[in-house]
All heavy atoms as atom14 arrays in JSON, in Angstrom:
{
  "sequence": "EGDICFYSSPVGRCVETAQCIGKGRAGVQVPAQLNAVVSDE",
  "atom14_mask": [
    [1, 1, 1, 1, 1, 1, 1, 1, 1, 0, 0, 0, 0, 0],
    [1, 1, 1, 1, 0, 0, 0, 0, 0, 0, 0, 0, 0, 0],
    [1, 1, 1, 1, 1, 1, 1, 1, 0, 0, 0, 0, 0, 0],
    [1, 1, 1, 1, 1, 1, 1, 1, 0, 0, 0, 0, 0, 0],
    [1, 1, 1, 1, 1, 1, 0, 0, 0, 0, 0, 0, 0, 0],
    [1, 1, 1, 1, 1, 1, 1, 1, 1, 1, 1, 0, 0, 0],
    [1, 1, 1, 1, 1, 1, 1, 1, 1, 1, 1, 1, 0, 0],
    [1, 1, 1, 1, 1, 1, 0, 0, 0, 0, 0, 0, 0, 0],
    [1, 1, 1, 1, 1, 1, 0, 0, 0, 0, 0, 0, 0, 0],
    [1, 1, 1, 1, 1, 1, 1, 0, 0, 0, 0, 0, 0, 0],
    [1, 1, 1, 1, 1, 1, 1, 0, 0, 0, 0, 0, 0, 0],
    [1, 1, 1, 1, 0, 0, 0, 0, 0, 0, 0, 0, 0, 0],
    [1, 1, 1, 1, 1, 1, 1, 1, 1, 1, 1, 0, 0, 0],
    [1, 1, 1, 1, 1, 1, 0, 0, 0, 0, 0, 0, 0, 0],
    [1, 1, 1, 1, 1, 1, 1, 0, 0, 0, 0, 0, 0, 0],
    [1, 1, 1, 1, 1, 1, 1, 1, 1, 0, 0, 0, 0, 0],
    [1, 1, 1, 1, 1, 1, 1, 0, 0, 0, 0, 0, 0, 0],
    [1, 1, 1, 1, 1, 0, 0, 0, 0, 0, 0, 0, 0, 0],
    [1, 1, 1, 1, 1, 1, 1, 1, 1, 0, 0, 0, 0, 0],
    [1, 1, 1, 1, 1, 1, 0, 0, 0, 0, 0, 0, 0, 0],
    [1, 1, 1, 1, 1, 1, 1, 1, 0, 0, 0, 0, 0, 0],
    [1, 1, 1, 1, 0, 0, 0, 0, 0, 0, 0, 0, 0, 0],
    [1, 1, 1, 1, 1, 1, 1, 1, 1, 0, 0, 0, 0, 0],
    [1, 1, 1, 1, 0, 0, 0, 0, 0, 0, 0, 0, 0, 0],
    [1, 1, 1, 1, 1, 1, 1, 1, 1, 1, 1, 0, 0, 0],
    [1, 1, 1, 1, 1, 0, 0, 0, 0, 0, 0, 0, 0, 0],
    [1, 1, 1, 1, 0, 0, 0, 0, 0, 0, 0, 0, 0, 0],
    [1, 1, 1, 1, 1, 1, 1, 0, 0, 0, 0, 0, 0, 0],
    [1, 1, 1, 1, 1, 1, 1, 1, 1, 0, 0, 0, 0, 0],
    [1, 1, 1, 1, 1, 1, 1, 0, 0, 0, 0, 0, 0, 0],
    [1, 1, 1, 1, 1, 1, 1, 0, 0, 0, 0, 0, 0, 0],
    [1, 1, 1, 1, 1, 0, 0, 0, 0, 0, 0, 0, 0, 0],
    [1, 1, 1, 1, 1, 1, 1, 1, 1, 0, 0, 0, 0, 0],
    [1, 1, 1, 1, 1, 1, 1, 1, 0, 0, 0, 0, 0, 0],
    [1, 1, 1, 1, 1, 1, 1, 1, 0, 0, 0, 0, 0, 0],
    [1, 1, 1, 1, 1, 0, 0, 0, 0, 0, 0, 0, 0, 0],
    [1, 1, 1, 1, 1, 1, 1, 0, 0, 0, 0, 0, 0, 0],
    [1, 1, 1, 1, 1, 1, 1, 0, 0, 0, 0, 0, 0, 0],
    [1, 1, 1, 1, 1, 1, 0, 0, 0, 0, 0, 0, 0, 0],
    [1, 1, 1, 1, 1, 1, 1, 1, 0, 0, 0, 0, 0, 0],
    [1, 1, 1, 1, 1, 1, 1, 1, 1, 0, 0, 0, 0, 0]
  ],
  "atom14_positions": [
    [[-22.27, -11.21, -6.28], [-22.47, -11.24, -7.73], [-22.0, -9.88, -8.32], [-22.51, -8.85, -7.92], [-23.9, -11.51, -8.08], [-24.44, -12.84, -7.59], [-24.9, -12.8, -6.16], [-25.07, -11.71, -5.61], [-25.07, -13.9, -5.56], [0.0, 0.0, 0.0], [0.0, 0.0, 0.0], [0.0, 0.0, 0.0], [0.0, 0.0, 0.0], [0.0, 0.0, 0.0]],
    [[-21.18, -10.0, -9.3], [-20.75, -8.76, -10.03], [-19.34, -8.31, -9.63], [-18.87, -8.57, -8.52], [0.0, 0.0, 0.0], [0.0, 0.0, 0.0], [0.0, 0.0, 0.0], [0.0, 0.0, 0.0], [0.0, 0.0, 0.0], [0.0, 0.0, 0.0], [0.0, 0.0, 0.0], [0.0, 0.0, 0.0], [0.0, 0.0, 0.0], [0.0, 0.0, 0.0]],
    [[-18.72, -7.65, -10.58], [-17.33, -7.13, -10.32], [-17.37, -5.88, -9.43], [-18.43, -5.23, -9.26], [-16.72, -6.75, -11.68], [-16.36, -7.96, -12.51], [-16.12, -9.04, -11.9], [-16.38, -7.86, -13.77], [0.0, 0.0, 0.0], [0.0, 0.0, 0.0], [0.0, 0.0, 0.0], [0.0, 0.0, 0.0], [0.0, 0.0, 0.0], [0.0, 0.0, 0.0]],
    [[-16.23, -5.62, -8.87], [-16.13, -4.49, -7.96], [-14.76, -3.78, -8.22], [-13.77, -4.43, -8.5], [-16.22, -4.93, -6.49], [-16.25, -3.74, -5.53], [-15.08, -5.84, -6.08], [-16.69, -4.06, -4.12], [0.0, 0.0, 0.0], [0.0, 0.0, 0.0], [0.0, 0.0, 0.0], [0.0, 0.0, 0.0], [0.0, 0.0, 0.0], [0.0, 0.0, 0.0]],
    [[-14.77, -2.45, -8.16], [-13.58, -1.62, -8.32], [-13.41, -0.72, -7.11], [-14.41, -0.26, -6.52], [-13.65, -0.74, -9.56], [-13.21, -1.61, -11.11], [0.0, 0.0, 0.0], [0.0, 0.0, 0.0], [0.0, 0.0, 0.0], [0.0, 0.0, 0.0], [0.0, 0.0, 0.0], [0.0, 0.0, 0.0], [0.0, 0.0, 0.0], [0.0, 0.0, 0.0]],
    [[-12.19, -0.45, -6.75], [-11.91, 0.37, -5.59], [-11.02, 1.61, -6.04], [-10.03, 1.41, -6.69], [-11.17, -0.39, -4.54], [-11.96, -1.55, -3.97], [-11.78, -2.82, -4.49], [-12.85, -1.4, -2.95], [-12.49, -3.88, -4.01], [-13.6, -2.45, -2.47], [-13.4, -3.7, -3.0], [0.0, 0.0, 0.0], [0.0, 0.0, 0.0], [0.0, 0.0, 0.0]],
    [[-11.45, 2.79, -5.62], [-10.72, 4.0, -5.86], [-10.59, 4.7, -4.51], [-11.46, 4.56, -3.61], [-11.46, 4.93, -6.85], [-11.73, 4.21, -8.17], [-12.95, 3.57, -8.3], [-10.77, 4.2, -9.2], [-13.19, 2.93, -9.55], [-11.03, 3.53, -10.37], [-12.25, 2.91, -10.52], [-12.53, 2.28, -11.69], [0.0, 0.0, 0.0], [0.0, 0.0, 0.0]],
    [[-9.45, 5.42, -4.29], [-9.24, 5.96, -3.01], [-8.38, 7.27, -3.07], [-7.55, 7.36, -3.94], [-8.52, 4.91, -2.11], [-8.03, 5.44, -0.92], [0.0, 0.0, 0.0], [0.0, 0.0, 0.0], [0.0, 0.0, 0.0], [0.0, 0.0, 0.0], [0.0, 0.0, 0.0], [0.0, 0.0, 0.0], [0.0, 0.0, 0.0], [0.0, 0.0, 0.0]],
    [[-8.51, 8.04, -2.03], [-7.53, 9.02, -1.75], [-6.2, 8.32, -1.51], [-6.21, 7.25, -0.95], [-7.93, 9.81, -0.49], [-6.81, 10.48, 0.06], [0.0, 0.0, 0.0], [0.0, 0.0, 0.0], [0.0, 0.0, 0.0], [0.0, 0.0, 0.0], [0.0, 0.0, 0.0], [0.0, 0.0, 0.0], [0.0, 0.0, 0.0], [0.0, 0.0, 0.0]],
    [[-5.04, 8.9, -1.91], [-3.75, 8.31, -1.65], [-3.41, 8.18, -0.19], [-2.46, 7.46, 0.15], [-2.78, 9.21, -2.39], [-3.61, 10.01, -3.34], [-4.97, 10.18, -2.71], [0.0, 0.0, 0.0], [0.0, 0.0, 0.0], [0.0, 0.0, 0.0], [0.0, 0.0, 0.0], [0.0, 0.0, 0.0], [0.0, 0.0, 0.0], [0.0, 0.0, 0.0]],
    [[-4.13, 8.9, 0.7], [-3.84, 8.82, 2.13], [-4.05, 7.41, 2.63], [-5.08, 6.78, 2.32], [-4.69, 9.86, 2.87], [-4.46, 9.73, 4.41], [-4.3, 11.27, 2.4], [0.0, 0.0, 0.0], [0.0, 0.0, 0.0], [0.0, 0.0, 0.0], [0.0, 0.0, 0.0], [0.0, 0.0, 0.0], [0.0, 0.0, 0.0], [0.0, 0.0, 0.0]],
    [[-3.13, 6.9, 3.48], [-3.13, 5.52, 3.85], [-4.38, 4.99, 4.45], [-4.87, 3.86, 4.14], [0.0, 0.0, 0.0], [0.0, 0.0, 0.0], [0.0, 0.0, 0.0], [0.0, 0.0, 0.0], [0.0, 0.0, 0.0], [0.0, 0.0, 0.0], [0.0, 0.0, 0.0], [0.0, 0.0, 0.0], [0.0, 0.0, 0.0], [0.0, 0.0, 0.0]],
    [[-5.1, 5.73, 5.3], [-6.27, 5.22, 5.94], [-7.46, 5.0, 4.92], [-8.27, 4.17, 5.17], [-6.72, 6.16, 7.06], [-7.03, 7.61, 6.68], [-7.43, 8.36, 7.94], [-7.62, 9.8, 7.68], [-6.62, 10.7, 7.79], [-5.39, 10.38, 8.08], [-6.88, 12.0, 7.57], [0.0, 0.0, 0.0], [0.0, 0.0, 0.0], [0.0, 0.0, 0.0]],
    [[-7.41, 5.8, 3.87], [-8.46, 5.61, 2.84], [-8.17, 4.37, 1.99], [-9.02, 3.58, 1.67], [-8.55, 6.87, 1.95], [-9.08, 8.35, 2.82], [0.0, 0.0, 0.0], [0.0, 0.0, 0.0], [0.0, 0.0, 0.0], [0.0, 0.0, 0.0], [0.0, 0.0, 0.0], [0.0, 0.0, 0.0], [0.0, 0.0, 0.0], [0.0, 0.0, 0.0]],
    [[-6.89, 4.21, 1.61], [-6.46, 3.03, 0.85], [-6.76, 1.76, 1.65], [-7.35, 0.8, 1.12], [-4.95, 3.08, 0.48], [-4.52, 1.81, -0.17], [-4.67, 4.3, -0.4], [0.0, 0.0, 0.0], [0.0, 0.0, 0.0], [0.0, 0.0, 0.0], [0.0, 0.0, 0.0], [0.0, 0.0, 0.0], [0.0, 0.0, 0.0], [0.0, 0.0, 0.0]],
    [[-6.4, 1.79, 2.94], [-6.63, 0.62, 3.8], [-8.11, 0.3, 3.95], [-8.56, -0.87, 4.0], [-5.93, 0.79, 5.13], [-5.95, -0.52, 5.95], [-5.21, -0.44, 7.25], [-4.83, 0.71, 7.66], [-5.0, -1.46, 7.9], [0.0, 0.0, 0.0], [0.0, 0.0, 0.0], [0.0, 0.0, 0.0], [0.0, 0.0, 0.0], [0.0, 0.0, 0.0]],
    [[-8.9, 1.37, 4.06], [-10.38, 1.18, 4.14], [-10.91, 0.41, 2.96], [-11.65, -0.55, 3.05], [-11.07, 2.53, 4.29], [-10.72, 3.16, 5.54], [-12.61, 2.36, 4.23], [0.0, 0.0, 0.0], [0.0, 0.0, 0.0], [0.0, 0.0, 0.0], [0.0, 0.0, 0.0], [0.0, 0.0, 0.0], [0.0, 0.0, 0.0], [0.0, 0.0, 0.0]],
    [[-10.47, 0.84, 1.74], [-10.87, 0.2, 0.57], [-10.43, -1.27, 0.5], [-11.17, -2.15, 0.1], [-10.4, 0.95, -0.71], [0.0, 0.0, 0.0], [0.0, 0.0, 0.0], [0.0, 0.0, 0.0], [0.0, 0.0, 0.0], [0.0, 0.0, 0.0], [0.0, 0.0, 0.0], [0.0, 0.0, 0.0], [0.0, 0.0, 0.0], [0.0, 0.0, 0.0]],
    [[-9.17, -1.46, 0.88], [-8.63, -2.84, 0.91], [-9.43, -3.74, 1.87], [-9.7, -4.93, 1.55], [-7.17, -2.8, 1.26], [-6.3, -2.24, 0.21], [-4.81, -2.1, 0.63], [-4.54, -1.97, 1.85], [-3.92, -2.13, -0.28], [0.0, 0.0, 0.0], [0.0, 0.0, 0.0], [0.0, 0.0, 0.0], [0.0, 0.0, 0.0], [0.0, 0.0, 0.0]],
    [[-9.73, -3.21, 3.06], [-10.51, -4.02, 4.01], [-11.89, -4.3, 3.52], [-12.45, -5.39, 3.78], [-10.54, -3.27, 5.38], [-8.98, -3.33, 6.25], [0.0, 0.0, 0.0], [0.0, 0.0, 0.0], [0.0, 0.0, 0.0], [0.0, 0.0, 0.0], [0.0, 0.0, 0.0], [0.0, 0.0, 0.0], [0.0, 0.0, 0.0], [0.0, 0.0, 0.0]],
    [[-12.55, -3.35, 2.86], [-13.83, -3.61, 2.26], [-13.76, -4.78, 1.28], [-14.56, -5.65, 1.27], [-14.37, -2.31, 1.59], [-14.7, -1.26, 2.62], [-15.67, -2.68, 0.76], [-15.08, 0.09, 1.99], [0.0, 0.0, 0.0], [0.0, 0.0, 0.0], [0.0, 0.0, 0.0], [0.0, 0.0, 0.0], [0.0, 0.0, 0.0], [0.0, 0.0, 0.0]],
    [[-12.68, -4.74, 0.47], [-12.48, -5.8, -0.53], [-12.24, -7.13, 0.15], [-12.74, -8.16, -0.33], [0.0, 0.0, 0.0], [0.0, 0.0, 0.0], [0.0, 0.0, 0.0], [0.0, 0.0, 0.0], [0.0, 0.0, 0.0], [0.0, 0.0, 0.0], [0.0, 0.0, 0.0], [0.0, 0.0, 0.0], [0.0, 0.0, 0.0], [0.0, 0.0, 0.0]],
    [[-11.45, -7.12, 1.22], [-11.17, -8.37, 1.89], [-12.43, -8.98, 2.57], [-12.56, -10.17, 2.65], [-10.09, -8.21, 2.93], [-8.68, -7.91, 2.33], [-7.65, -7.59, 3.41], [-6.3, -7.33, 2.81], [-5.33, -6.97, 3.83], [0.0, 0.0, 0.0], [0.0, 0.0, 0.0], [0.0, 0.0, 0.0], [0.0, 0.0, 0.0], [0.0, 0.0, 0.0]],
    [[-13.27, -8.08, 2.99], [-14.56, -8.47, 3.58], [-15.44, -9.24, 2.56], [-16.19, -10.13, 2.86], [0.0, 0.0, 0.0], [0.0, 0.0, 0.0], [0.0, 0.0, 0.0], [0.0, 0.0, 0.0], [0.0, 0.0, 0.0], [0.0, 0.0, 0.0], [0.0, 0.0, 0.0], [0.0, 0.0, 0.0], [0.0, 0.0, 0.0], [0.0, 0.0, 0.0]],
    [[-15.27, -8.83, 1.35], [-16.04, -9.43, 0.27], [-15.08, -10.55, -0.34], [-14.83, -10.61, -1.51], [-16.35, -8.42, -0.82], [-17.42, -8.84, -1.84], [-17.72, -7.67, -2.74], [-18.76, -7.95, -3.7], [-18.56, -8.17, -4.99], [-17.35, -8.12, -5.48], [-19.56, -8.38, -5.79], [0.0, 0.0, 0.0], [0.0, 0.0, 0.0], [0.0, 0.0, 0.0]],
    [[-14.68, -11.44, 0.53], [-13.63, -12.44, 0.21], [-14.01, -13.36, -0.95], [-15.14, -13.76, -1.12], [-13.32, -13.24, 1.46], [0.0, 0.0, 0.0], [0.0, 0.0, 0.0], [0.0, 0.0, 0.0], [0.0, 0.0, 0.0], [0.0, 0.0, 0.0], [0.0, 0.0, 0.0], [0.0, 0.0, 0.0], [0.0, 0.0, 0.0], [0.0, 0.0, 0.0]],
    [[-13.0, -13.61, -1.79], [-13.16, -14.59, -2.84], [-13.72, -14.04, -4.11], [-13.81, -14.76, -5.11], [0.0, 0.0, 0.0], [0.0, 0.0, 0.0], [0.0, 0.0, 0.0], [0.0, 0.0, 0.0], [0.0, 0.0, 0.0], [0.0, 0.0, 0.0], [0.0, 0.0, 0.0], [0.0, 0.0, 0.0], [0.0, 0.0, 0.0], [0.0, 0.0, 0.0]],
    [[-14.16, -12.79, -4.14], [-14.69, -12.19, -5.37], [-13.63, -11.5, -6.19], [-12.9, -10.66, -5.67], [-15.79, -11.16, -5.03], [-16.4, -10.58, -6.22], [-16.87, -11.88, -4.22], [0.0, 0.0, 0.0], [0.0, 0.0, 0.0], [0.0, 0.0, 0.0], [0.0, 0.0, 0.0], [0.0, 0.0, 0.0], [0.0, 0.0, 0.0], [0.0, 0.0, 0.0]],
    [[-13.49, -11.87, -7.43], [-12.42, -11.26, -8.27], [-12.84, -9.9, -8.75], [-13.98, -9.71, -9.12], [-12.15, -12.15, -9.5], [-11.42, -13.44, -9.09], [-10.75, -14.13, -10.26], [-11.0, -13.74, -11.41], [-9.94, -15.13, -10.02], [0.0, 0.0, 0.0], [0.0, 0.0, 0.0], [0.0, 0.0, 0.0], [0.0, 0.0, 0.0], [0.0, 0.0, 0.0]],
    [[-11.86, -9.0, -8.75], [-12.07, -7.69, -9.32], [-11.85, -7.79, -10.83], [-11.33, -8.82, -11.29], [-11.13, -6.64, -8.7], [-11.49, -6.51, -7.2], [-9.71, -7.03, -8.88], [0.0, 0.0, 0.0], [0.0, 0.0, 0.0], [0.0, 0.0, 0.0], [0.0, 0.0, 0.0], [0.0, 0.0, 0.0], [0.0, 0.0, 0.0], [0.0, 0.0, 0.0]],
    [[-12.18, -6.79, -11.63], [-11.99, -6.85, -13.05], [-10.58, -7.24, -13.46], [-9.59, -6.91, -12.83], [-12.28, -5.4, -13.55], [-13.26, -4.94, -12.52], [-12.79, -5.54, -11.18], [0.0, 0.0, 0.0], [0.0, 0.0, 0.0], [0.0, 0.0, 0.0], [0.0, 0.0, 0.0], [0.0, 0.0, 0.0], [0.0, 0.0, 0.0], [0.0, 0.0, 0.0]],
    [[-10.49, -7.99, -14.53], [-9.15, -8.57, -14.99], [-8.13, -7.49, -15.18], [-6.94, -7.72, -14.93], [-9.45, -9.41, -16.28], [0.0, 0.0, 0.0], [0.0, 0.0, 0.0], [0.0, 0.0, 0.0], [0.0, 0.0, 0.0], [0.0, 0.0, 0.0], [0.0, 0.0, 0.0], [0.0, 0.0, 0.0], [0.0, 0.0, 0.0], [0.0, 0.0, 0.0]],
    [[-8.56, -6.32, -15.69], [-7.54, -5.29, -15.95], [-6.86, -4.78, -14.71], [-5.83, -4.14, -14.8], [-8.21, -4.08, -16.68], [-9.18, -3.29, -15.86], [-10.62, -3.75, -16.06], [-10.83, -4.9, -16.37], [-11.58, -2.83, -15.84], [0.0, 0.0, 0.0], [0.0, 0.0, 0.0], [0.0, 0.0, 0.0], [0.0, 0.0, 0.0], [0.0, 0.0, 0.0]],
    [[-7.41, -5.08, -13.51], [-6.76, -4.62, -12.31], [-5.84, -5.66, -11.71], [-5.08, -5.42, -10.78], [-7.84, -4.29, -11.25], [-8.71, -3.08, -11.62], [-9.7, -2.78, -10.47], [-7.9, -1.87, -11.97], [0.0, 0.0, 0.0], [0.0, 0.0, 0.0], [0.0, 0.0, 0.0], [0.0, 0.0, 0.0], [0.0, 0.0, 0.0], [0.0, 0.0, 0.0]],
    [[-5.88, -6.9, -12.3], [-4.87, -7.96, -11.97], [-4.81, -8.19, -10.47], [-3.72, -8.19, -9.88], [-3.46, -7.58, -12.48], [-3.46, -7.47, -14.02], [-4.03, -8.29, -14.7], [-2.83, -6.39, -14.5], [0.0, 0.0, 0.0], [0.0, 0.0, 0.0], [0.0, 0.0, 0.0], [0.0, 0.0, 0.0], [0.0, 0.0, 0.0], [0.0, 0.0, 0.0]],
    [[-5.93, -8.42, -9.85], [-5.94, -8.65, -8.43], [-7.11, -9.57, -8.0], [-8.12, -9.61, -8.76], [-5.98, -7.36, -7.63], [0.0, 0.0, 0.0], [0.0, 0.0, 0.0], [0.0, 0.0, 0.0], [0.0, 0.0, 0.0], [0.0, 0.0, 0.0], [0.0, 0.0, 0.0], [0.0, 0.0, 0.0], [0.0, 0.0, 0.0], [0.0, 0.0, 0.0]],
    [[-7.04, -10.16, -6.89], [-8.14, -10.93, -6.32], [-8.43, -10.39, -4.95], [-7.55, -10.19, -4.12], [-7.77, -12.4, -6.2], [-8.89, -13.23, -5.56], [-7.45, -12.94, -7.61], [0.0, 0.0, 0.0], [0.0, 0.0, 0.0], [0.0, 0.0, 0.0], [0.0, 0.0, 0.0], [0.0, 0.0, 0.0], [0.0, 0.0, 0.0], [0.0, 0.0, 0.0]],
    [[-9.7, -10.11, -4.72], [-10.11, -9.46, -3.47], [-9.67, -10.23, -2.22], [-9.26, -9.7, -1.25], [-11.61, -9.22, -3.48], [-12.14, -8.79, -2.11], [-11.97, -8.16, -4.49], [0.0, 0.0, 0.0], [0.0, 0.0, 0.0], [0.0, 0.0, 0.0], [0.0, 0.0, 0.0], [0.0, 0.0, 0.0], [0.0, 0.0, 0.0], [0.0, 0.0, 0.0]],
    [[-9.8, -11.58, -2.31], [-9.45, -12.4, -1.15], [-8.01, -12.33, -0.79], [-7.57, -12.73, 0.27], [-9.87, -13.85, -1.42], [-9.2, -14.33, -2.59], [0.0, 0.0, 0.0], [0.0, 0.0, 0.0], [0.0, 0.0, 0.0], [0.0, 0.0, 0.0], [0.0, 0.0, 0.0], [0.0, 0.0, 0.0], [0.0, 0.0, 0.0], [0.0, 0.0, 0.0]],
    [[-7.15, -11.85, -1.76], [-5.72, -11.78, -1.48], [-5.37, -10.38, -1.04], [-5.26, -10.07, 0.14], [-4.93, -12.18, -2.75], [-3.48, -12.12, -2.57], [-3.02, -12.07, -1.41], [-2.71, -12.09, -3.57], [0.0, 0.0, 0.0], [0.0, 0.0, 0.0], [0.0, 0.0, 0.0], [0.0, 0.0, 0.0], [0.0, 0.0, 0.0], [0.0, 0.0, 0.0]],
    [[-5.2, -9.47, -1.97], [-4.92, -8.09, -1.63], [-5.64, -7.21, -2.7], [-5.22, -7.04, -3.79], [-3.45, -7.78, -1.71], [-3.04, -6.39, -1.16], [-3.36, -6.25, 0.36], [-3.16, -7.21, 1.08], [-3.76, -5.17, 0.71], [0.0, 0.0, 0.0], [0.0, 0.0, 0.0], [0.0, 0.0, 0.0], [0.0, 0.0, 0.0], [0.0, 0.0, 0.0]]
  ]
}
């Protein structure tokens, strides 16, 4: 329940960590202004 936003160091392992956290929370949409769906990328 609730929106989620991800911020990261530009270094690849940090970006991928945030992406994997989002994928683990599958199917939950991030805020509209970010134009993305967690279950996708």
